[in-house]
Amino acid sequence: MEDIPSLCVNSASTTTLYGSNNWLYECDQYGWCDEYWWANPITVKRPDGSVALVIDPANLSAEGSWNFTYVFPAGFFNVVGNWSFSYLSQDYCSGNSYTIGFDLKVVGTYSNSIGSNEVICNVGGTPQNIVDISLSSNSAYTINWQSKTGAGSWNSISELIQHLTNQLILIRQHHIEDF
């Protein structure tokens, strides 16, 4: 199974799409050759299937003859779920055309309920700061707090949370004894 790239809901950073142009190179019987690069519109759909944006090729930034970029503004991906991207790829040499598609997983939560394997992002959604935690479940569960910044592995912070909780208990006990 292929990993789907992910992004936090309502990210405070811009998101850049990188792509490659269609290409045509052909020569006639007299040796005159033509070479063209072009892009087709890119359709971006929200998780519910509604069209969020159709990117006109004129709005793509050229990165040489072969590649292009498009920059989505901060906060553009404002719905949790799998966003889909699609565009028509054409090969005029063979006469074939087909739709290319890929997904972007937007993660986060909008409420104080966190489901299995959900992510709380520090750049969008709620809760941004976790306070007065009370966890309950209708089935057995294990709590494993982890953090991750950018690319790389998740790091366990369960031990840190336990240490801070113990320190807070000691401070509260000391404070109560002073009265």
N, C-alpha and C. Protein backbone atom coordinates (compact mmCIF):
# COMPACT_ATOMS: atom_id res chain seq x y z
N MET A 1 0.84 -1.18 0.00
CA MET A 1 0.00 0.00 0.00
C MET A 1 0.89 1.24 0.00
N GLU A 2 0.55 2.19 -0.82
CA GLU A 2 1.35 3.41 -0.96
C GLU A 2 0.97 4.43 0.09
N ASP A 3 1.99 5.06 0.69
CA ASP A 3 1.72 6.11 1.66
C ASP A 3 1.17 7.34 0.97
N ILE A 4 0.15 7.94 1.57
CA ILE A 4 -0.41 9.19 1.05
C ILE A 4 0.24 10.32 1.81
N PRO A 5 0.79 11.32 1.10
CA PRO A 5 1.37 12.46 1.83
C PRO A 5 0.29 13.14 2.67
N SER A 6 0.69 13.71 3.81
CA SER A 6 -0.28 14.35 4.68
C SER A 6 0.12 15.77 5.04
N LEU A 7 -0.89 16.51 5.46
CA LEU A 7 -0.74 17.92 5.79
C LEU A 7 -1.74 18.23 6.90
N CYS A 8 -1.40 19.13 7.80
CA CYS A 8 -2.33 19.52 8.86
C CYS A 8 -3.42 20.44 8.32
N VAL A 9 -4.64 20.23 8.82
CA VAL A 9 -5.77 21.06 8.42
C VAL A 9 -5.46 22.52 8.75
N ASN A 10 -5.87 23.42 7.89
CA ASN A 10 -5.68 24.86 8.08
C ASN A 10 -4.22 25.23 8.33
N SER A 11 -3.32 24.57 7.66
CA SER A 11 -1.90 24.82 7.86
C SER A 11 -1.58 26.30 7.69
N ALA A 12 -0.75 26.79 8.58
CA ALA A 12 -0.37 28.21 8.53
C ALA A 12 0.71 28.47 7.48
N SER A 13 1.17 27.40 6.83
CA SER A 13 2.19 27.54 5.78
C SER A 13 1.57 27.32 4.40
N THR A 14 2.21 27.88 3.40
CA THR A 14 1.79 27.61 2.03
C THR A 14 2.17 26.16 1.68
N THR A 15 1.50 25.61 0.68
CA THR A 15 1.78 24.25 0.22
C THR A 15 2.07 24.32 -1.27
N THR A 16 3.18 23.74 -1.70
CA THR A 16 3.59 23.81 -3.10
C THR A 16 3.35 22.48 -3.79
N LEU A 17 2.71 22.55 -4.94
CA LEU A 17 2.49 21.40 -5.81
C LEU A 17 3.56 21.43 -6.89
N TYR A 18 4.25 20.32 -7.08
CA TYR A 18 5.27 20.20 -8.12
C TYR A 18 4.75 19.26 -9.18
N GLY A 19 4.94 19.61 -10.46
CA GLY A 19 4.47 18.75 -11.54
C GLY A 19 5.35 18.81 -12.76
N SER A 20 5.03 17.92 -13.71
CA SER A 20 5.77 17.85 -14.97
C SER A 20 4.81 18.13 -16.12
N ASN A 21 5.31 18.85 -17.12
CA ASN A 21 4.51 19.18 -18.29
C ASN A 21 4.37 17.98 -19.23
N ASN A 22 3.31 18.04 -20.06
CA ASN A 22 3.22 17.13 -21.19
C ASN A 22 4.30 17.54 -22.18
N TRP A 23 4.69 16.63 -23.04
CA TRP A 23 5.78 16.91 -23.97
C TRP A 23 5.51 16.27 -25.32
N LEU A 24 5.81 16.99 -26.38
CA LEU A 24 5.68 16.46 -27.73
C LEU A 24 6.94 16.81 -28.50
N TYR A 25 7.52 15.82 -29.14
CA TYR A 25 8.66 16.02 -30.02
C TYR A 25 8.41 15.16 -31.26
N GLU A 26 8.28 15.83 -32.39
CA GLU A 26 8.08 15.07 -33.62
C GLU A 26 8.74 15.78 -34.79
N CYS A 27 9.15 14.99 -35.75
CA CYS A 27 9.82 15.50 -36.94
C CYS A 27 9.05 15.06 -38.19
N ASP A 28 8.98 15.93 -39.17
CA ASP A 28 8.32 15.54 -40.42
C ASP A 28 9.33 14.88 -41.37
N GLN A 29 8.84 14.49 -42.56
CA GLN A 29 9.69 13.76 -43.51
C GLN A 29 10.83 14.62 -44.05
N TYR A 30 10.78 15.93 -43.85
CA TYR A 30 11.83 16.82 -44.34
C TYR A 30 12.87 17.14 -43.26
N GLY A 31 12.69 16.58 -42.08
CA GLY A 31 13.65 16.81 -41.01
C GLY A 31 13.30 17.99 -40.12
N TRP A 32 12.16 18.64 -40.38
CA TRP A 32 11.73 19.75 -39.51
C TRP A 32 11.13 19.16 -38.25
N CYS A 33 11.65 19.56 -37.12
CA CYS A 33 11.19 18.99 -35.85
C CYS A 33 10.52 20.06 -34.99
N ASP A 34 9.49 19.66 -34.33
CA ASP A 34 8.78 20.51 -33.38
C ASP A 34 8.86 19.89 -32.00
N GLU A 35 8.98 20.76 -31.01
CA GLU A 35 9.02 20.31 -29.63
C GLU A 35 8.15 21.26 -28.82
N TYR A 36 7.21 20.68 -28.05
CA TYR A 36 6.27 21.48 -27.27
C TYR A 36 6.20 20.94 -25.85
N TRP A 37 5.98 21.85 -24.90
CA TRP A 37 5.67 21.50 -23.52
C TRP A 37 4.38 22.22 -23.16
N TRP A 38 3.50 21.55 -22.47
CA TRP A 38 2.28 22.20 -22.03
C TRP A 38 1.70 21.44 -20.85
N ALA A 39 0.85 22.14 -20.12
CA ALA A 39 0.15 21.54 -18.98
C ALA A 39 -1.35 21.63 -19.23
N ASN A 40 -2.07 20.75 -18.64
CA ASN A 40 -3.53 20.78 -18.69
C ASN A 40 -4.06 21.25 -17.35
N PRO A 41 -5.33 21.67 -17.29
CA PRO A 41 -5.89 22.09 -15.99
C PRO A 41 -5.81 20.97 -14.96
N ILE A 42 -5.61 21.36 -13.71
CA ILE A 42 -5.52 20.42 -12.59
C ILE A 42 -6.75 20.65 -11.71
N THR A 43 -7.51 19.60 -11.49
CA THR A 43 -8.71 19.69 -10.65
C THR A 43 -8.38 19.23 -9.24
N VAL A 44 -8.75 20.06 -8.26
CA VAL A 44 -8.55 19.74 -6.85
C VAL A 44 -9.93 19.56 -6.23
N LYS A 45 -10.15 18.38 -5.63
CA LYS A 45 -11.44 18.10 -5.01
C LYS A 45 -11.30 17.89 -3.52
N ARG A 46 -12.31 18.39 -2.79
CA ARG A 46 -12.38 18.19 -1.35
C ARG A 46 -12.73 16.73 -1.05
N PRO A 47 -12.61 16.32 0.21
CA PRO A 47 -12.94 14.94 0.57
C PRO A 47 -14.38 14.52 0.22
N ASP A 48 -15.31 15.48 0.18
CA ASP A 48 -16.70 15.13 -0.16
C ASP A 48 -16.92 15.03 -1.67
N GLY A 49 -15.86 15.25 -2.47
CA GLY A 49 -15.96 15.14 -3.92
C GLY A 49 -16.27 16.44 -4.63
N SER A 50 -16.58 17.50 -3.88
CA SER A 50 -16.87 18.78 -4.52
C SER A 50 -15.56 19.41 -5.01
N VAL A 51 -15.65 20.18 -6.08
CA VAL A 51 -14.47 20.80 -6.66
C VAL A 51 -14.09 22.04 -5.84
N ALA A 52 -12.87 22.03 -5.33
CA ALA A 52 -12.37 23.18 -4.57
C ALA A 52 -11.72 24.20 -5.50
N LEU A 53 -11.07 23.70 -6.57
CA LEU A 53 -10.31 24.58 -7.44
C LEU A 53 -9.96 23.84 -8.73
N VAL A 54 -10.02 24.54 -9.83
CA VAL A 54 -9.44 24.05 -11.08
C VAL A 54 -8.31 25.01 -11.42
N ILE A 55 -7.09 24.50 -11.41
CA ILE A 55 -5.92 25.34 -11.64
C ILE A 55 -5.70 25.47 -13.14
N ASP A 56 -5.81 26.68 -13.62
CA ASP A 56 -5.56 26.95 -15.04
C ASP A 56 -4.06 26.88 -15.30
N PRO A 57 -3.65 26.25 -16.41
CA PRO A 57 -2.21 26.17 -16.70
C PRO A 57 -1.51 27.52 -16.71
N ALA A 58 -2.24 28.58 -17.03
CA ALA A 58 -1.64 29.92 -17.04
C ALA A 58 -1.21 30.36 -15.63
N ASN A 59 -1.77 29.72 -14.60
CA ASN A 59 -1.43 30.07 -13.22
C ASN A 59 -0.31 29.22 -12.63
N LEU A 60 0.26 28.33 -13.44
CA LEU A 60 1.38 27.52 -13.00
C LEU A 60 2.68 28.29 -13.21
N SER A 61 3.59 28.12 -12.29
CA SER A 61 4.90 28.77 -12.43
C SER A 61 5.87 27.80 -13.09
N ALA A 62 6.48 28.23 -14.18
CA ALA A 62 7.42 27.36 -14.91
C ALA A 62 8.70 27.18 -14.11
N GLU A 63 9.16 25.96 -14.08
CA GLU A 63 10.44 25.60 -13.48
C GLU A 63 11.27 24.96 -14.59
N GLY A 64 11.66 25.75 -15.58
CA GLY A 64 12.30 25.21 -16.78
C GLY A 64 11.24 24.73 -17.75
N SER A 65 11.65 24.05 -18.79
CA SER A 65 10.70 23.57 -19.80
C SER A 65 9.89 22.38 -19.31
N TRP A 66 10.45 21.60 -18.43
CA TRP A 66 9.82 20.35 -18.06
C TRP A 66 8.87 20.43 -16.89
N ASN A 67 9.15 21.27 -15.93
CA ASN A 67 8.43 21.22 -14.66
C ASN A 67 7.71 22.53 -14.35
N PHE A 68 6.77 22.43 -13.40
CA PHE A 68 6.04 23.60 -12.95
C PHE A 68 5.73 23.47 -11.46
N THR A 69 5.33 24.58 -10.86
CA THR A 69 4.87 24.58 -9.47
C THR A 69 3.59 25.40 -9.37
N TYR A 70 2.85 25.13 -8.32
CA TYR A 70 1.69 25.94 -7.97
C TYR A 70 1.68 26.04 -6.45
N VAL A 71 1.50 27.24 -5.92
CA VAL A 71 1.53 27.45 -4.48
C VAL A 71 0.11 27.71 -3.97
N PHE A 72 -0.34 26.82 -3.08
CA PHE A 72 -1.63 27.00 -2.42
C PHE A 72 -1.42 27.91 -1.21
N PRO A 73 -2.34 28.84 -0.99
CA PRO A 73 -2.17 29.75 0.16
C PRO A 73 -2.34 29.01 1.49
N ALA A 74 -1.80 29.58 2.53
CA ALA A 74 -1.98 29.04 3.88
C ALA A 74 -3.47 28.92 4.16
N GLY A 75 -3.87 27.84 4.79
CA GLY A 75 -5.26 27.64 5.16
C GLY A 75 -6.15 27.10 4.05
N PHE A 76 -5.59 26.87 2.86
CA PHE A 76 -6.43 26.40 1.74
C PHE A 76 -7.05 25.04 2.04
N PHE A 77 -6.26 24.14 2.60
CA PHE A 77 -6.76 22.79 2.89
C PHE A 77 -7.44 22.82 4.26
N ASN A 78 -8.72 23.19 4.26
CA ASN A 78 -9.45 23.50 5.49
C ASN A 78 -10.46 22.43 5.88
N VAL A 79 -10.39 21.26 5.25
CA VAL A 79 -11.30 20.16 5.56
C VAL A 79 -10.46 18.89 5.75
N VAL A 80 -10.72 18.17 6.83
CA VAL A 80 -10.01 16.93 7.12
C VAL A 80 -10.49 15.84 6.17
N GLY A 81 -9.56 15.03 5.66
CA GLY A 81 -9.89 13.92 4.78
C GLY A 81 -8.95 13.88 3.60
N ASN A 82 -9.24 13.01 2.64
CA ASN A 82 -8.38 12.86 1.46
C ASN A 82 -8.84 13.80 0.34
N TRP A 83 -8.00 14.75 0.00
CA TRP A 83 -8.22 15.66 -1.11
C TRP A 83 -7.66 14.98 -2.36
N SER A 84 -8.34 15.10 -3.48
CA SER A 84 -7.84 14.45 -4.69
C SER A 84 -7.44 15.48 -5.74
N PHE A 85 -6.40 15.15 -6.47
CA PHE A 85 -5.87 15.97 -7.55
C PHE A 85 -5.93 15.13 -8.82
N SER A 86 -6.34 15.73 -9.93
CA SER A 86 -6.34 14.98 -11.19
C SER A 86 -6.10 15.93 -12.36
N TYR A 87 -5.50 15.37 -13.41
CA TYR A 87 -5.26 16.12 -14.64
C TYR A 87 -5.12 15.15 -15.80
N LEU A 88 -5.34 15.66 -16.99
CA LEU A 88 -5.23 14.85 -18.19
C LEU A 88 -3.78 14.85 -18.66
N SER A 89 -3.23 13.66 -18.82
CA SER A 89 -1.89 13.52 -19.38
C SER A 89 -2.04 13.08 -20.83
N GLN A 90 -1.33 13.73 -21.71
CA GLN A 90 -1.46 13.44 -23.13
C GLN A 90 -0.11 13.08 -23.74
N ASP A 91 -0.13 12.08 -24.60
CA ASP A 91 1.04 11.68 -25.37
C ASP A 91 0.64 11.72 -26.84
N TYR A 92 0.94 12.84 -27.48
CA TYR A 92 0.54 12.99 -28.88
C TYR A 92 1.34 12.09 -29.82
N CYS A 93 2.50 11.61 -29.38
CA CYS A 93 3.27 10.69 -30.22
C CYS A 93 2.50 9.39 -30.41
N SER A 94 1.94 8.88 -29.32
CA SER A 94 1.20 7.62 -29.40
C SER A 94 -0.30 7.84 -29.59
N GLY A 95 -0.75 9.07 -29.34
CA GLY A 95 -2.18 9.36 -29.43
C GLY A 95 -2.94 9.00 -28.16
N ASN A 96 -2.24 8.59 -27.12
CA ASN A 96 -2.89 8.20 -25.87
C ASN A 96 -3.07 9.39 -24.94
N SER A 97 -4.14 9.36 -24.20
CA SER A 97 -4.34 10.32 -23.12
C SER A 97 -5.02 9.57 -21.97
N TYR A 98 -4.71 9.97 -20.77
CA TYR A 98 -5.27 9.32 -19.60
C TYR A 98 -5.24 10.29 -18.44
N THR A 99 -6.10 10.04 -17.46
CA THR A 99 -6.18 10.90 -16.29
C THR A 99 -5.22 10.39 -15.22
N ILE A 100 -4.41 11.29 -14.73
CA ILE A 100 -3.49 11.01 -13.63
C ILE A 100 -4.15 11.55 -12.35
N GLY A 101 -4.08 10.81 -11.29
CA GLY A 101 -4.65 11.27 -10.04
C GLY A 101 -3.79 10.89 -8.85
N PHE A 102 -3.88 11.66 -7.81
CA PHE A 102 -3.20 11.36 -6.55
C PHE A 102 -3.95 12.06 -5.43
N ASP A 103 -3.69 11.63 -4.21
CA ASP A 103 -4.39 12.17 -3.04
C ASP A 103 -3.43 12.87 -2.09
N LEU A 104 -3.99 13.77 -1.31
CA LEU A 104 -3.31 14.42 -0.20
C LEU A 104 -4.20 14.24 1.02
N LYS A 105 -3.66 13.65 2.07
CA LYS A 105 -4.42 13.42 3.29
C LYS A 105 -4.28 14.64 4.20
N VAL A 106 -5.39 15.28 4.51
CA VAL A 106 -5.39 16.42 5.43
C VAL A 106 -5.86 15.90 6.77
N VAL A 107 -5.01 16.08 7.79
CA VAL A 107 -5.27 15.51 9.10
C VAL A 107 -5.53 16.61 10.12
N GLY A 108 -6.20 16.24 11.20
CA GLY A 108 -6.49 17.17 12.28
C GLY A 108 -7.85 16.84 12.86
N THR A 109 -8.27 17.63 13.81
CA THR A 109 -9.58 17.44 14.42
C THR A 109 -10.17 18.80 14.73
N TYR A 110 -11.50 18.87 14.72
CA TYR A 110 -12.20 20.14 14.97
C TYR A 110 -12.88 20.16 16.33
N SER A 111 -12.79 19.09 17.08
CA SER A 111 -13.53 19.03 18.33
C SER A 111 -12.62 18.52 19.43
N ASN A 112 -13.19 18.35 20.61
CA ASN A 112 -12.43 17.80 21.72
C ASN A 112 -12.49 16.28 21.74
N SER A 113 -13.07 15.68 20.71
CA SER A 113 -13.09 14.23 20.58
C SER A 113 -12.00 13.81 19.62
N ILE A 114 -11.21 12.84 20.03
CA ILE A 114 -10.13 12.36 19.19
C ILE A 114 -10.38 10.89 18.92
N GLY A 115 -10.52 10.54 17.67
CA GLY A 115 -10.76 9.15 17.30
C GLY A 115 -9.46 8.37 17.19
N SER A 116 -9.59 7.11 16.91
CA SER A 116 -8.43 6.23 16.75
C SER A 116 -7.51 6.76 15.66
N ASN A 117 -6.24 6.91 16.01
CA ASN A 117 -5.20 7.35 15.07
C ASN A 117 -5.45 8.74 14.47
N GLU A 118 -6.24 9.58 15.14
CA GLU A 118 -6.40 10.95 14.67
C GLU A 118 -5.23 11.79 15.14
N VAL A 119 -5.06 12.91 14.47
CA VAL A 119 -3.93 13.79 14.74
C VAL A 119 -4.43 15.14 15.20
N ILE A 120 -3.80 15.70 16.22
CA ILE A 120 -4.08 17.07 16.63
C ILE A 120 -2.94 17.92 16.09
N CYS A 121 -3.26 18.89 15.27
CA CYS A 121 -2.23 19.74 14.69
C CYS A 121 -2.11 21.02 15.49
N ASN A 122 -0.90 21.50 15.63
CA ASN A 122 -0.71 22.74 16.39
C ASN A 122 -0.90 23.96 15.51
N VAL A 123 -1.31 23.75 14.27
CA VAL A 123 -1.48 24.89 13.36
C VAL A 123 -2.92 25.03 12.89
N GLY A 124 -3.82 24.23 13.40
CA GLY A 124 -5.20 24.37 12.94
C GLY A 124 -6.10 23.40 13.65
N GLY A 125 -7.38 23.66 13.56
CA GLY A 125 -8.34 22.81 14.25
C GLY A 125 -8.28 23.04 15.73
N THR A 126 -9.14 22.36 16.45
CA THR A 126 -9.12 22.42 17.90
C THR A 126 -9.04 21.01 18.41
N PRO A 127 -8.55 20.71 19.55
CA PRO A 127 -7.91 21.67 20.43
C PRO A 127 -6.45 21.92 20.03
N GLN A 128 -6.05 23.18 20.01
CA GLN A 128 -4.66 23.50 19.73
C GLN A 128 -3.82 23.32 20.98
N ASN A 129 -4.40 23.60 22.10
CA ASN A 129 -3.73 23.36 23.37
C ASN A 129 -4.60 22.40 24.15
N ILE A 130 -4.00 21.37 24.68
CA ILE A 130 -4.77 20.36 25.39
C ILE A 130 -4.72 20.69 26.87
N VAL A 131 -5.89 20.91 27.46
CA VAL A 131 -5.96 21.23 28.89
C VAL A 131 -7.07 20.39 29.53
N ASP A 132 -6.94 20.15 30.82
CA ASP A 132 -7.95 19.41 31.58
C ASP A 132 -8.37 18.14 30.86
N ILE A 133 -7.42 17.26 30.62
CA ILE A 133 -7.66 16.05 29.84
C ILE A 133 -8.42 15.02 30.66
N SER A 134 -9.44 14.49 30.04
CA SER A 134 -10.18 13.37 30.60
C SER A 134 -10.49 12.45 29.43
N LEU A 135 -10.01 11.23 29.48
CA LEU A 135 -10.22 10.30 28.38
C LEU A 135 -11.17 9.20 28.80
N SER A 136 -12.10 8.88 27.94
CA SER A 136 -13.00 7.76 28.19
C SER A 136 -13.22 7.03 26.88
N SER A 137 -13.61 5.79 26.98
CA SER A 137 -13.79 4.98 25.78
C SER A 137 -14.83 3.91 26.05
N ASN A 138 -15.48 3.47 24.97
CA ASN A 138 -16.44 2.38 25.13
C ASN A 138 -15.77 1.03 24.89
N SER A 139 -14.45 1.02 24.77
CA SER A 139 -13.69 -0.22 24.62
C SER A 139 -12.30 -0.02 25.21
N ALA A 140 -11.58 -1.12 25.37
CA ALA A 140 -10.23 -1.03 25.91
C ALA A 140 -9.35 -0.20 24.97
N TYR A 141 -8.44 0.57 25.55
CA TYR A 141 -7.59 1.42 24.74
C TYR A 141 -6.25 1.62 25.42
N THR A 142 -5.28 2.02 24.62
CA THR A 142 -3.96 2.36 25.12
C THR A 142 -3.66 3.79 24.69
N ILE A 143 -3.13 4.58 25.59
CA ILE A 143 -2.78 5.95 25.27
C ILE A 143 -1.28 6.00 24.97
N ASN A 144 -0.94 6.50 23.82
CA ASN A 144 0.47 6.66 23.45
C ASN A 144 0.61 8.05 22.86
N TRP A 145 1.10 8.99 23.65
CA TRP A 145 1.27 10.36 23.16
C TRP A 145 2.56 10.43 22.34
N GLN A 146 2.48 11.01 21.16
CA GLN A 146 3.63 11.14 20.29
C GLN A 146 3.67 12.53 19.68
N SER A 147 4.86 12.95 19.29
CA SER A 147 5.00 14.23 18.60
C SER A 147 5.84 14.02 17.34
N LYS A 148 5.64 14.92 16.40
CA LYS A 148 6.40 14.84 15.15
C LYS A 148 6.47 16.24 14.58
N THR A 149 7.65 16.66 14.19
CA THR A 149 7.80 17.95 13.52
C THR A 149 8.35 17.69 12.14
N GLY A 150 7.59 18.02 11.13
CA GLY A 150 8.04 17.84 9.75
C GLY A 150 8.18 16.37 9.40
N ALA A 151 9.13 16.08 8.54
CA ALA A 151 9.38 14.70 8.11
C ALA A 151 10.09 13.94 9.21
N GLY A 152 10.04 12.65 9.12
CA GLY A 152 10.75 11.83 10.08
C GLY A 152 9.82 10.98 10.91
N SER A 153 10.36 10.43 11.97
CA SER A 153 9.63 9.49 12.80
C SER A 153 8.85 10.19 13.89
N TRP A 154 7.82 9.47 14.39
CA TRP A 154 7.09 9.95 15.55
C TRP A 154 7.94 9.65 16.79
N ASN A 155 7.93 10.57 17.75
CA ASN A 155 8.67 10.42 19.00
C ASN A 155 7.69 10.33 20.15
N SER A 156 7.89 9.35 21.02
CA SER A 156 7.01 9.20 22.16
C SER A 156 7.24 10.34 23.14
N ILE A 157 6.15 10.92 23.63
CA ILE A 157 6.24 11.95 24.66
C ILE A 157 5.47 11.52 25.90
N SER A 158 5.04 10.23 25.93
CA SER A 158 4.28 9.72 27.08
C SER A 158 5.08 9.87 28.37
N GLU A 159 6.38 9.54 28.30
CA GLU A 159 7.21 9.64 29.50
C GLU A 159 7.33 11.09 29.96
N LEU A 160 7.45 12.02 29.02
CA LEU A 160 7.54 13.43 29.37
C LEU A 160 6.26 13.90 30.04
N ILE A 161 5.13 13.49 29.50
CA ILE A 161 3.84 13.89 30.09
C ILE A 161 3.73 13.33 31.50
N GLN A 162 4.12 12.06 31.70
CA GLN A 162 4.07 11.46 33.03
C GLN A 162 4.99 12.21 33.99
N HIS A 163 6.19 12.56 33.55
CA HIS A 163 7.14 13.30 34.39
C HIS A 163 6.55 14.67 34.79
N LEU A 164 6.00 15.38 33.81
CA LEU A 164 5.42 16.70 34.10
C LEU A 164 4.22 16.57 35.03
N THR A 165 3.41 15.55 34.86
CA THR A 165 2.27 15.32 35.75
C THR A 165 2.76 15.08 37.17
N ASN A 166 3.79 14.23 37.33
CA ASN A 166 4.34 13.97 38.67
C ASN A 166 4.89 15.25 39.30
N GLN A 167 5.56 16.08 38.52
CA GLN A 167 6.09 17.34 39.04
C GLN A 167 4.96 18.26 39.47
N LEU A 168 3.89 18.29 38.69
CA LEU A 168 2.74 19.14 39.03
C LEU A 168 2.09 18.66 40.32
N ILE A 169 1.99 17.34 40.50
CA ILE A 169 1.43 16.79 41.74
C ILE A 169 2.30 17.20 42.92
N LEU A 170 3.63 17.11 42.78
CA LEU A 170 4.52 17.52 43.86
C LEU A 170 4.38 19.00 44.19
N ILE A 171 4.26 19.82 43.17
CA ILE A 171 4.10 21.27 43.39
C ILE A 171 2.79 21.55 44.10
N ARG A 172 1.72 20.90 43.66
CA ARG A 172 0.41 21.10 44.32
C ARG A 172 0.47 20.66 45.78
N GLN A 173 1.10 19.48 46.04
CA GLN A 173 1.20 19.00 47.41
C GLN A 173 1.99 19.98 48.26
N HIS A 174 3.09 20.49 47.72
CA HIS A 174 3.92 21.44 48.45
C HIS A 174 3.12 22.71 48.73
N HIS A 175 2.38 23.17 47.75
CA HIS A 175 1.58 24.39 47.89
C HIS A 175 0.51 24.21 48.96
N ILE A 176 -0.12 23.06 49.03
CA ILE A 176 -1.16 22.80 50.01
C ILE A 176 -0.54 22.74 51.41
N GLU A 177 0.64 22.13 51.53
CA GLU A 177 1.30 22.03 52.83
C GLU A 177 1.72 23.39 53.37
N ASP A 178 1.92 24.37 52.47
CA ASP A 178 2.34 25.70 52.93
C ASP A 178 1.20 26.47 53.59
N PHE A 179 -0.04 26.01 53.33
CA PHE A 179 -1.17 26.74 53.92
C PHE A 179 -1.51 26.15 55.21
